[in-house]
């Protein structure tokens, strides 16, 4: 299983950044490979949703997830339900450093069902991770500045 842990300081309020990451319905507007989101159910601390991912040379794939979040602790965890992966776990944690400065900890673990797909994903993962984090930062700048 491939894993990554990334920490980054972003110059925005922790609660507002948490809200941007939790706003999964907006992902198709700013995450380049997310072509659609379908929320099946949403409550005070969890969401069941499908993300449709469309990479340039591949057919669209559906990734079903269970998102558990804690508004007090500013934590978002995603557990994989169905799709082309064997497993996927993400964890976002937002810690206020100063009034408008936040330490974000992002952890991801994933494994594809097929060896070939896993090797391709591992090769491109740093690029994908950077692009995803940058997409959230740009979104925060657009909304919060």
N, C-alpha and C. Protein backbone atom coordinates (compact mmCIF):
# COMPACT_ATOMS: atom_id res chain seq x y z
N UNK A 1 0.85 -1.18 0.00
CA UNK A 1 0.00 0.00 0.00
C UNK A 1 0.90 1.24 0.00
N UNK A 2 0.60 2.18 -0.87
CA UNK A 2 1.34 3.43 -0.96
C UNK A 2 0.77 4.40 0.06
N UNK A 3 1.65 5.12 0.76
CA UNK A 3 1.17 6.11 1.71
C UNK A 3 2.01 7.37 1.63
N UNK A 4 1.41 8.45 2.09
CA UNK A 4 2.08 9.74 2.11
C UNK A 4 1.52 10.55 3.26
N UNK A 5 2.39 11.30 3.89
CA UNK A 5 1.97 12.21 4.94
C UNK A 5 2.57 13.57 4.62
N UNK A 6 1.73 14.57 4.54
CA UNK A 6 2.19 15.90 4.15
C UNK A 6 1.69 16.94 5.14
N UNK A 7 2.59 17.82 5.54
CA UNK A 7 2.23 18.95 6.39
C UNK A 7 2.56 20.23 5.65
N UNK A 8 1.67 21.20 5.80
CA UNK A 8 1.88 22.47 5.12
C UNK A 8 1.17 23.57 5.90
N UNK A 9 1.81 24.72 5.96
CA UNK A 9 1.19 25.88 6.59
C UNK A 9 0.55 26.73 5.50
N UNK A 10 -0.72 27.07 5.72
CA UNK A 10 -1.49 27.87 4.77
C UNK A 10 -2.02 29.10 5.50
N UNK A 11 -1.94 30.22 4.83
CA UNK A 11 -2.31 31.50 5.45
C UNK A 11 -3.81 31.79 5.36
N UNK A 12 -4.59 30.92 6.01
CA UNK A 12 -6.03 31.11 6.14
C UNK A 12 -6.47 30.48 7.46
N UNK A 13 -7.66 30.83 7.88
CA UNK A 13 -8.26 30.32 9.11
C UNK A 13 -8.53 28.82 9.02
N UNK A 14 -8.25 28.08 10.10
CA UNK A 14 -8.39 26.63 10.12
C UNK A 14 -9.83 26.18 9.84
N UNK A 15 -10.81 26.79 10.49
CA UNK A 15 -12.22 26.39 10.30
C UNK A 15 -12.66 26.64 8.86
N UNK A 16 -12.24 27.75 8.27
CA UNK A 16 -12.62 28.04 6.89
C UNK A 16 -11.98 27.05 5.92
N UNK A 17 -10.74 26.66 6.17
CA UNK A 17 -10.08 25.65 5.32
C UNK A 17 -10.76 24.29 5.46
N UNK A 18 -11.10 23.94 6.68
CA UNK A 18 -11.86 22.70 6.95
C UNK A 18 -13.15 22.69 6.12
N UNK A 19 -13.87 23.82 6.12
CA UNK A 19 -15.14 23.91 5.39
C UNK A 19 -14.94 23.74 3.89
N UNK A 20 -13.84 24.28 3.35
CA UNK A 20 -13.56 24.14 1.91
C UNK A 20 -13.30 22.68 1.55
N UNK A 21 -12.51 21.98 2.36
CA UNK A 21 -12.23 20.57 2.08
C UNK A 21 -13.49 19.73 2.25
N UNK A 22 -14.32 20.07 3.21
CA UNK A 22 -15.55 19.32 3.45
C UNK A 22 -16.64 19.59 2.40
N UNK A 23 -16.53 20.66 1.67
CA UNK A 23 -17.51 21.02 0.64
C UNK A 23 -17.29 20.17 -0.61
N UNK A 24 -17.52 18.88 -0.49
CA UNK A 24 -17.19 17.96 -1.58
C UNK A 24 -18.06 18.18 -2.82
N UNK A 25 -19.24 18.75 -2.65
CA UNK A 25 -20.10 19.02 -3.80
C UNK A 25 -19.44 20.00 -4.77
N UNK A 26 -18.51 20.82 -4.29
CA UNK A 26 -17.83 21.82 -5.13
C UNK A 26 -16.57 21.28 -5.81
N UNK A 27 -16.14 20.08 -5.47
CA UNK A 27 -14.90 19.54 -6.05
C UNK A 27 -14.85 19.60 -7.58
N UNK A 28 -15.95 19.31 -8.29
CA UNK A 28 -15.85 19.36 -9.76
C UNK A 28 -15.47 20.74 -10.30
N UNK A 29 -15.66 21.79 -9.50
CA UNK A 29 -15.34 23.15 -9.94
C UNK A 29 -13.86 23.49 -9.81
N UNK A 30 -13.13 22.74 -8.98
CA UNK A 30 -11.73 23.13 -8.79
C UNK A 30 -10.72 21.99 -8.71
N UNK A 31 -11.15 20.76 -8.60
CA UNK A 31 -10.23 19.62 -8.65
C UNK A 31 -10.20 19.15 -10.10
N UNK A 32 -9.06 19.25 -10.78
CA UNK A 32 -9.01 19.01 -12.23
C UNK A 32 -9.56 17.66 -12.70
N UNK A 33 -9.33 16.59 -12.00
CA UNK A 33 -9.75 15.27 -12.47
C UNK A 33 -11.11 14.84 -11.95
N UNK A 34 -11.73 15.66 -11.10
CA UNK A 34 -13.05 15.33 -10.56
C UNK A 34 -14.11 15.88 -11.52
N UNK A 35 -14.79 14.99 -12.22
CA UNK A 35 -15.79 15.46 -13.18
C UNK A 35 -17.19 15.54 -12.58
N UNK A 36 -17.43 14.83 -11.45
CA UNK A 36 -18.75 14.89 -10.81
C UNK A 36 -18.66 14.34 -9.39
N UNK A 37 -19.59 14.81 -8.55
CA UNK A 37 -19.75 14.28 -7.19
C UNK A 37 -21.23 14.00 -7.00
N UNK A 38 -21.52 12.84 -6.44
CA UNK A 38 -22.90 12.50 -6.12
C UNK A 38 -22.97 12.15 -4.64
N UNK A 39 -23.67 12.97 -3.88
CA UNK A 39 -23.84 12.73 -2.45
C UNK A 39 -25.09 11.88 -2.26
N UNK A 40 -24.91 10.73 -1.61
CA UNK A 40 -26.03 9.82 -1.36
C UNK A 40 -26.73 10.15 -0.05
N UNK A 41 -25.93 10.51 0.96
CA UNK A 41 -26.52 10.92 2.24
C UNK A 41 -25.52 11.79 3.00
N UNK A 42 -26.07 12.66 3.85
CA UNK A 42 -25.24 13.59 4.60
C UNK A 42 -25.90 13.83 5.96
N UNK A 43 -25.09 13.77 7.02
CA UNK A 43 -25.60 14.04 8.36
C UNK A 43 -24.65 15.03 9.05
N UNK A 44 -24.80 15.16 10.36
CA UNK A 44 -23.98 16.11 11.12
C UNK A 44 -22.50 15.73 11.17
N UNK A 45 -22.17 14.46 10.91
CA UNK A 45 -20.77 14.06 11.01
C UNK A 45 -20.32 13.04 9.96
N UNK A 46 -21.16 12.78 8.95
CA UNK A 46 -20.72 11.86 7.92
C UNK A 46 -21.44 12.10 6.59
N UNK A 47 -20.75 11.68 5.53
CA UNK A 47 -21.27 11.81 4.17
C UNK A 47 -20.95 10.51 3.43
N UNK A 48 -21.90 10.03 2.65
CA UNK A 48 -21.66 8.94 1.72
C UNK A 48 -21.77 9.54 0.32
N UNK A 49 -20.70 9.38 -0.47
CA UNK A 49 -20.70 10.02 -1.79
C UNK A 49 -19.85 9.24 -2.79
N UNK A 50 -20.13 9.50 -4.06
CA UNK A 50 -19.34 8.96 -5.17
C UNK A 50 -18.65 10.12 -5.88
N UNK A 51 -17.36 9.96 -6.13
CA UNK A 51 -16.62 10.91 -6.95
C UNK A 51 -16.35 10.23 -8.28
N UNK A 52 -16.66 10.94 -9.36
CA UNK A 52 -16.34 10.44 -10.70
C UNK A 52 -15.03 11.09 -11.11
N UNK A 53 -14.02 10.25 -11.32
CA UNK A 53 -12.68 10.72 -11.68
C UNK A 53 -12.44 10.40 -13.14
N UNK A 54 -11.97 11.40 -13.85
CA UNK A 54 -11.71 11.23 -15.27
C UNK A 54 -10.34 11.79 -15.60
N UNK A 55 -9.39 10.86 -15.78
CA UNK A 55 -8.05 11.24 -16.23
C UNK A 55 -8.04 11.23 -17.74
N UNK A 56 -7.17 12.02 -18.31
CA UNK A 56 -7.13 12.29 -19.75
C UNK A 56 -7.26 11.05 -20.63
N UNK A 57 -6.49 10.01 -20.39
CA UNK A 57 -6.44 8.85 -21.30
C UNK A 57 -7.14 7.62 -20.76
N UNK A 58 -7.92 7.76 -19.71
CA UNK A 58 -8.59 6.62 -19.09
C UNK A 58 -10.10 6.85 -19.06
N UNK A 59 -10.85 5.77 -19.00
CA UNK A 59 -12.30 5.91 -18.88
C UNK A 59 -12.64 6.42 -17.48
N UNK A 60 -13.76 7.13 -17.34
CA UNK A 60 -14.15 7.63 -16.01
C UNK A 60 -14.31 6.49 -15.01
N UNK A 61 -13.90 6.74 -13.78
CA UNK A 61 -13.99 5.76 -12.71
C UNK A 61 -14.80 6.35 -11.55
N UNK A 62 -15.59 5.51 -10.91
CA UNK A 62 -16.36 5.92 -9.73
C UNK A 62 -15.64 5.46 -8.47
N UNK A 63 -15.48 6.40 -7.53
CA UNK A 63 -14.86 6.10 -6.25
C UNK A 63 -15.90 6.39 -5.17
N UNK A 64 -16.44 5.35 -4.57
CA UNK A 64 -17.42 5.51 -3.50
C UNK A 64 -16.71 5.64 -2.17
N UNK A 65 -17.15 6.61 -1.35
CA UNK A 65 -16.47 6.87 -0.08
C UNK A 65 -17.44 7.18 1.05
N UNK A 66 -16.97 6.89 2.23
CA UNK A 66 -17.65 7.25 3.47
C UNK A 66 -16.76 8.29 4.15
N UNK A 67 -17.27 9.50 4.29
CA UNK A 67 -16.52 10.61 4.87
C UNK A 67 -17.04 10.85 6.29
N UNK A 68 -16.13 10.80 7.24
CA UNK A 68 -16.47 11.06 8.64
C UNK A 68 -15.73 12.33 9.06
N UNK A 69 -16.46 13.27 9.65
CA UNK A 69 -15.81 14.53 10.00
C UNK A 69 -16.20 14.98 11.40
N UNK A 70 -15.31 15.75 12.00
CA UNK A 70 -15.50 16.28 13.34
C UNK A 70 -15.27 17.79 13.28
N UNK A 71 -16.34 18.56 13.40
CA UNK A 71 -16.26 20.02 13.30
C UNK A 71 -15.53 20.64 14.48
N UNK A 72 -15.53 19.96 15.61
CA UNK A 72 -14.83 20.47 16.80
C UNK A 72 -13.31 20.29 16.67
N UNK A 73 -12.91 19.10 16.25
CA UNK A 73 -11.49 18.76 16.13
C UNK A 73 -10.91 19.14 14.77
N UNK A 74 -11.76 19.61 13.85
CA UNK A 74 -11.36 19.99 12.49
C UNK A 74 -10.61 18.85 11.81
N UNK A 75 -11.27 17.69 11.79
CA UNK A 75 -10.69 16.48 11.23
C UNK A 75 -11.67 15.87 10.23
N UNK A 76 -11.14 15.43 9.07
CA UNK A 76 -11.94 14.79 8.04
C UNK A 76 -11.25 13.48 7.65
N UNK A 77 -11.97 12.37 7.77
CA UNK A 77 -11.43 11.06 7.40
C UNK A 77 -12.30 10.47 6.31
N UNK A 78 -11.67 9.89 5.33
CA UNK A 78 -12.39 9.23 4.25
C UNK A 78 -12.02 7.75 4.22
N UNK A 79 -13.03 6.92 4.11
CA UNK A 79 -12.84 5.48 3.98
C UNK A 79 -13.47 5.04 2.65
N UNK A 80 -12.75 4.24 1.94
CA UNK A 80 -13.14 3.78 0.61
C UNK A 80 -14.24 2.73 0.71
N UNK A 81 -15.22 2.80 -0.21
CA UNK A 81 -16.30 1.83 -0.25
C UNK A 81 -16.22 0.97 -1.50
N UNK A 82 -16.15 1.62 -2.69
CA UNK A 82 -16.13 0.84 -3.93
C UNK A 82 -15.47 1.60 -5.06
N UNK A 83 -15.01 0.84 -6.05
CA UNK A 83 -14.36 1.41 -7.23
C UNK A 83 -13.15 0.59 -7.62
N UNK A 84 -12.21 1.20 -8.36
CA UNK A 84 -11.06 0.45 -8.89
C UNK A 84 -9.95 0.17 -7.88
N UNK A 85 -10.10 0.66 -6.67
CA UNK A 85 -9.07 0.46 -5.66
C UNK A 85 -9.37 -0.74 -4.78
N UNK A 86 -8.32 -1.26 -4.19
CA UNK A 86 -8.48 -2.27 -3.14
C UNK A 86 -8.79 -1.55 -1.83
N UNK A 87 -8.12 -0.38 -1.62
CA UNK A 87 -8.32 0.37 -0.40
C UNK A 87 -7.87 1.82 -0.59
N UNK A 88 -8.49 2.73 0.15
CA UNK A 88 -8.11 4.13 0.17
C UNK A 88 -8.54 4.72 1.51
N UNK A 89 -7.61 5.40 2.15
CA UNK A 89 -7.90 6.11 3.39
C UNK A 89 -7.23 7.48 3.30
N UNK A 90 -7.98 8.52 3.66
CA UNK A 90 -7.39 9.84 3.76
C UNK A 90 -7.72 10.42 5.12
N UNK A 91 -6.88 11.33 5.56
CA UNK A 91 -7.11 12.00 6.83
C UNK A 91 -6.59 13.43 6.71
N UNK A 92 -7.47 14.38 6.96
CA UNK A 92 -7.12 15.80 6.99
C UNK A 92 -7.25 16.27 8.43
N UNK A 93 -6.26 17.01 8.90
CA UNK A 93 -6.32 17.62 10.23
C UNK A 93 -5.87 19.06 10.09
N UNK A 94 -6.66 19.98 10.64
CA UNK A 94 -6.41 21.41 10.53
C UNK A 94 -6.12 21.96 11.92
N UNK A 95 -4.93 22.52 12.11
CA UNK A 95 -4.53 23.07 13.42
C UNK A 95 -4.21 24.55 13.26
N UNK A 96 -4.88 25.36 14.05
CA UNK A 96 -4.64 26.79 14.01
C UNK A 96 -3.27 27.10 14.60
N UNK A 97 -2.45 27.85 13.86
CA UNK A 97 -1.12 28.25 14.33
C UNK A 97 -1.20 29.67 14.85
N UNK A 98 -1.80 30.54 14.04
CA UNK A 98 -2.06 31.92 14.41
C UNK A 98 -3.48 32.22 13.94
N UNK A 99 -3.91 33.48 14.09
CA UNK A 99 -5.28 33.85 13.72
C UNK A 99 -5.64 33.41 12.30
N UNK A 100 -4.82 33.72 11.34
CA UNK A 100 -5.10 33.35 9.95
C UNK A 100 -3.97 32.50 9.37
N UNK A 101 -3.52 31.55 10.17
CA UNK A 101 -2.48 30.63 9.71
C UNK A 101 -2.79 29.25 10.25
N UNK A 102 -2.76 28.25 9.35
CA UNK A 102 -3.17 26.90 9.71
C UNK A 102 -2.13 25.88 9.27
N UNK A 103 -1.84 24.95 10.17
CA UNK A 103 -1.02 23.80 9.81
C UNK A 103 -1.97 22.70 9.37
N UNK A 104 -1.82 22.28 8.13
CA UNK A 104 -2.64 21.20 7.59
C UNK A 104 -1.80 19.93 7.55
N UNK A 105 -2.35 18.85 8.08
CA UNK A 105 -1.73 17.55 7.97
C UNK A 105 -2.64 16.71 7.09
N UNK A 106 -2.09 16.23 5.97
CA UNK A 106 -2.85 15.40 5.04
C UNK A 106 -2.14 14.06 4.91
N UNK A 107 -2.88 13.00 5.20
CA UNK A 107 -2.34 11.65 5.11
C UNK A 107 -3.22 10.85 4.15
N UNK A 108 -2.56 10.10 3.26
CA UNK A 108 -3.31 9.24 2.33
C UNK A 108 -2.62 7.89 2.22
N UNK A 109 -3.43 6.85 2.13
CA UNK A 109 -2.96 5.49 1.88
C UNK A 109 -3.85 4.91 0.80
N UNK A 110 -3.25 4.30 -0.22
CA UNK A 110 -4.08 3.72 -1.27
C UNK A 110 -3.41 2.49 -1.87
N UNK A 111 -4.27 1.62 -2.39
CA UNK A 111 -3.79 0.44 -3.11
C UNK A 111 -4.82 0.08 -4.18
N UNK A 112 -4.36 -0.03 -5.42
CA UNK A 112 -5.23 -0.44 -6.52
C UNK A 112 -5.37 -1.95 -6.53
N UNK A 113 -6.45 -2.43 -7.10
CA UNK A 113 -6.68 -3.87 -7.24
C UNK A 113 -5.68 -4.48 -8.22
N UNK A 114 -5.35 -3.73 -9.26
CA UNK A 114 -4.46 -4.23 -10.30
C UNK A 114 -3.05 -3.67 -10.13
N UNK A 115 -2.08 -4.54 -10.23
CA UNK A 115 -0.67 -4.19 -10.05
C UNK A 115 -0.24 -3.08 -11.01
N UNK A 116 -0.63 -3.18 -12.27
CA UNK A 116 -0.26 -2.19 -13.29
C UNK A 116 -0.78 -0.80 -12.92
N UNK A 117 -2.03 -0.72 -12.50
CA UNK A 117 -2.61 0.56 -12.09
C UNK A 117 -1.89 1.12 -10.86
N UNK A 118 -1.52 0.23 -9.95
CA UNK A 118 -0.82 0.67 -8.74
C UNK A 118 0.52 1.30 -9.11
N UNK A 119 1.25 0.69 -10.01
CA UNK A 119 2.57 1.20 -10.41
C UNK A 119 2.45 2.54 -11.14
N UNK A 120 1.44 2.68 -11.98
CA UNK A 120 1.22 3.97 -12.66
C UNK A 120 0.88 5.04 -11.62
N UNK A 121 -0.02 4.72 -10.71
CA UNK A 121 -0.43 5.68 -9.68
C UNK A 121 0.75 6.08 -8.80
N UNK A 122 1.58 5.13 -8.43
CA UNK A 122 2.75 5.44 -7.60
C UNK A 122 3.72 6.36 -8.34
N UNK A 123 3.88 6.14 -9.64
CA UNK A 123 4.80 6.97 -10.43
C UNK A 123 4.31 8.41 -10.51
N UNK A 124 3.00 8.60 -10.63
CA UNK A 124 2.45 9.94 -10.79
C UNK A 124 1.92 10.54 -9.49
N UNK A 125 1.99 9.79 -8.39
CA UNK A 125 1.40 10.25 -7.15
C UNK A 125 1.93 11.60 -6.67
N UNK A 126 3.24 11.84 -6.67
CA UNK A 126 3.71 13.16 -6.20
C UNK A 126 3.09 14.32 -7.00
N UNK A 127 2.98 14.16 -8.29
CA UNK A 127 2.37 15.18 -9.14
C UNK A 127 0.89 15.35 -8.79
N UNK A 128 0.19 14.25 -8.64
CA UNK A 128 -1.25 14.30 -8.32
C UNK A 128 -1.48 14.93 -6.95
N UNK A 129 -0.68 14.52 -5.96
CA UNK A 129 -0.82 15.06 -4.62
C UNK A 129 -0.55 16.57 -4.62
N UNK A 130 0.51 16.99 -5.28
CA UNK A 130 0.83 18.42 -5.36
C UNK A 130 -0.29 19.20 -6.03
N UNK A 131 -0.81 18.67 -7.12
CA UNK A 131 -1.87 19.35 -7.84
C UNK A 131 -3.14 19.45 -6.99
N UNK A 132 -3.45 18.40 -6.24
CA UNK A 132 -4.63 18.42 -5.39
C UNK A 132 -4.49 19.46 -4.28
N UNK A 133 -3.36 19.45 -3.58
CA UNK A 133 -3.14 20.43 -2.51
C UNK A 133 -3.17 21.84 -3.08
N UNK A 134 -2.52 22.04 -4.21
CA UNK A 134 -2.51 23.36 -4.85
C UNK A 134 -3.92 23.80 -5.24
N UNK A 135 -4.75 22.87 -5.70
CA UNK A 135 -6.13 23.19 -6.05
C UNK A 135 -6.91 23.70 -4.84
N UNK A 136 -6.70 23.07 -3.69
CA UNK A 136 -7.37 23.53 -2.46
C UNK A 136 -6.84 24.90 -2.04
N UNK A 137 -5.55 25.12 -2.17
CA UNK A 137 -4.97 26.42 -1.80
C UNK A 137 -5.52 27.53 -2.70
N UNK A 138 -5.59 27.27 -3.99
CA UNK A 138 -6.13 28.26 -4.93
C UNK A 138 -7.60 28.54 -4.61
N UNK A 139 -8.35 27.48 -4.33
CA UNK A 139 -9.77 27.64 -3.97
C UNK A 139 -9.91 28.50 -2.72
N UNK A 140 -9.07 28.24 -1.71
CA UNK A 140 -9.11 29.04 -0.48
C UNK A 140 -8.79 30.49 -0.77
N UNK A 141 -7.78 30.74 -1.59
CA UNK A 141 -7.43 32.12 -1.94
C UNK A 141 -8.59 32.82 -2.66
N UNK A 142 -9.25 32.10 -3.57
CA UNK A 142 -10.37 32.70 -4.31
C UNK A 142 -11.55 33.03 -3.40
N UNK A 143 -11.85 32.14 -2.48
CA UNK A 143 -13.02 32.32 -1.62
C UNK A 143 -12.74 33.23 -0.43
N UNK A 144 -11.56 33.11 0.17
CA UNK A 144 -11.29 33.76 1.44
C UNK A 144 -10.54 35.08 1.35
N UNK A 145 -9.93 35.37 0.23
CA UNK A 145 -9.19 36.64 0.11
C UNK A 145 -10.10 37.78 -0.31
